[in-house]
C-alpha atoms as a PDB file:
ATOM      1  CA  UNK A   1      -3.358  56.367  30.798  1.00  0.00           C
ATOM      2  CA  UNK A   2      -0.257  58.652  29.913  1.00  0.00           C
ATOM      3  CA  UNK A   3       2.676  56.650  29.802  1.00  0.00           C
ATOM      4  CA  UNK A   4       3.344  54.463  26.779  1.00  0.00           C
ATOM      5  CA  UNK A   5       4.694  51.103  29.510  1.00  0.00           C
ATOM      6  CA  UNK A   6       0.971  51.231  30.788  1.00  0.00           C
ATOM      7  CA  UNK A   7      -1.472  51.489  27.900  1.00  0.00           C
ATOM      8  CA  UNK A   8       1.682  48.345  26.303  1.00  0.00           C
ATOM      9  CA  UNK A   9       0.647  46.447  29.988  1.00  0.00           C
ATOM     10  CA  UNK A  10      -3.128  46.777  29.334  1.00  0.00           C
ATOM     11  CA  UNK A  11      -3.172  45.775  25.866  1.00  0.00           C
ATOM     12  CA  UNK A  12      -0.946  42.406  26.988  1.00  0.00           C
ATOM     13  CA  UNK A  13      -3.455  42.575  30.061  1.00  0.00           C
ATOM     14  CA  UNK A  14      -6.091  42.944  27.766  1.00  0.00           C
ATOM     15  CA  UNK A  15      -5.627  39.987  25.273  1.00  0.00           C
ATOM     16  CA  UNK A  16      -4.530  37.940  27.702  1.00  0.00           C
ATOM     17  CA  UNK A  17      -8.149  38.068  29.275  1.00  0.00           C
ATOM     18  CA  UNK A  18      -9.783  38.152  25.882  1.00  0.00           C
ATOM     19  CA  UNK A  19      -8.490  34.820  24.764  1.00  0.00           C
ATOM     20  CA  UNK A  20      -8.378  33.036  28.344  1.00  0.00           C
ATOM     21  CA  UNK A  21     -12.087  33.900  28.557  1.00  0.00           C
ATOM     22  CA  UNK A  22     -13.193  32.837  25.124  1.00  0.00           C
ATOM     23  CA  UNK A  23     -11.838  29.709  26.442  1.00  0.00           C
ATOM     24  CA  UNK A  24     -13.713  29.495  29.145  1.00  0.00           C
ATOM     25  CA  UNK A  25     -16.579  30.558  27.097  1.00  0.00           C
ATOM     26  CA  UNK A  26     -16.176  27.979  24.196  1.00  0.00           C
ATOM     27  CA  UNK A  27     -15.801  24.980  27.027  1.00  0.00           C
ATOM     28  CA  UNK A  28     -18.500  25.860  29.171  1.00  0.00           C
ATOM     29  CA  UNK A  29     -20.910  26.401  25.681  1.00  0.00           C
ATOM     30  CA  UNK A  30     -19.193  23.019  24.941  1.00  0.00           C
ATOM     31  CA  UNK A  31     -18.081  23.684  22.165  1.00  0.00           C
ATOM     32  CA  UNK A  32     -13.787  23.306  23.121  1.00  0.00           C
ATOM     33  CA  UNK A  33     -14.045  19.263  25.004  1.00  0.00           C
ATOM     34  CA  UNK A  34     -11.722  17.623  26.769  1.00  0.00           C
ATOM     35  CA  UNK A  35     -11.619  19.645  30.353  1.00  0.00           C
ATOM     36  CA  UNK A  36     -13.899  19.335  33.903  1.00  0.00           C
ATOM     37  CA  UNK A  37     -15.157  22.938  32.423  1.00  0.00           C
ATOM     38  CA  UNK A  38     -16.450  21.073  29.418  1.00  0.00           C
ATOM     39  CA  UNK A  39     -20.542  21.766  29.640  1.00  0.00           C
ATOM     40  CA  UNK A  40     -20.959  23.084  32.066  1.00  0.00           C
ATOM     41  CA  UNK A  41     -22.750  26.900  32.290  1.00  0.00           C
ATOM     42  CA  UNK A  42     -20.513  28.622  35.257  1.00  0.00           C
ATOM     43  CA  UNK A  43     -17.931  28.680  33.113  1.00  0.00           C
ATOM     44  CA  UNK A  44     -19.726  30.081  29.968  1.00  0.00           C
ATOM     45  CA  UNK A  45     -20.899  33.235  32.200  1.00  0.00           C
ATOM     46  CA  UNK A  46     -17.626  33.765  33.954  1.00  0.00           C
ATOM     47  CA  UNK A  47     -15.931  33.825  30.143  1.00  0.00           C
ATOM     48  CA  UNK A  48     -17.970  35.793  29.026  1.00  0.00           C
ATOM     49  CA  UNK A  49     -17.423  38.198  31.493  1.00  0.00           C
ATOM     50  CA  UNK A  50     -13.729  37.638  31.680  1.00  0.00           C
ATOM     51  CA  UNK A  51     -14.043  38.632  27.980  1.00  0.00           C
ATOM     52  CA  UNK A  52     -15.534  41.633  28.122  1.00  0.00           C
ATOM     53  CA  UNK A  53     -12.690  43.207  30.874  1.00  0.00           C
ATOM     54  CA  UNK A  54     -10.414  42.017  28.148  1.00  0.00           C
ATOM     55  CA  UNK A  55     -11.908  43.889  25.822  1.00  0.00           C
ATOM     56  CA  UNK A  56     -12.583  47.615  27.862  1.00  0.00           C
ATOM     57  CA  UNK A  57      -9.297  46.802  28.913  1.00  0.00           C
ATOM     58  CA  UNK A  58      -7.661  46.459  24.781  1.00  0.00           C
ATOM     59  CA  UNK A  59     -10.239  49.566  24.188  1.00  0.00           C
ATOM     60  CA  UNK A  60      -8.610  51.294  27.610  1.00  0.00           C
ATOM     61  CA  UNK A  61      -4.918  50.653  25.981  1.00  0.00           C
ATOM     62  CA  UNK A  62      -5.514  51.797  22.655  1.00  0.00           C
ATOM     63  CA  UNK A  63      -7.350  54.842  22.659  1.00  0.00           C
ATOM     64  CA  UNK A  64      -5.780  57.886  21.926  1.00  0.00           C
ATOM     65  CA  UNK A  65      -6.252  60.979  24.075  1.00  0.00           C
ATOM     66  CA  UNK A  66      -7.485  64.352  23.075  1.00  0.00           C
ATOM     67  CA  UNK A  67      -3.983  66.604  23.132  1.00  0.00           C
ATOM     68  CA  UNK A  68      -2.645  64.509  19.888  1.00  0.00           C
ATOM     69  CA  UNK A  69      -0.181  61.439  21.672  1.00  0.00           C
END
């Protein structure tokens, strides 16, 4: 990603995906009660996958190019 705006967008989307994924995984693992998702393993797996996508986007957004910019 070359532009500053593009990198910022990756970071913002990555943080949101990571946070939503952690909440989904917590509900799926029955750690966060109060939802129809609570205790449903499907949401645990969806949350873990979403959190992983968030981490990848964060790494891509934070990573610096080799030419020093």
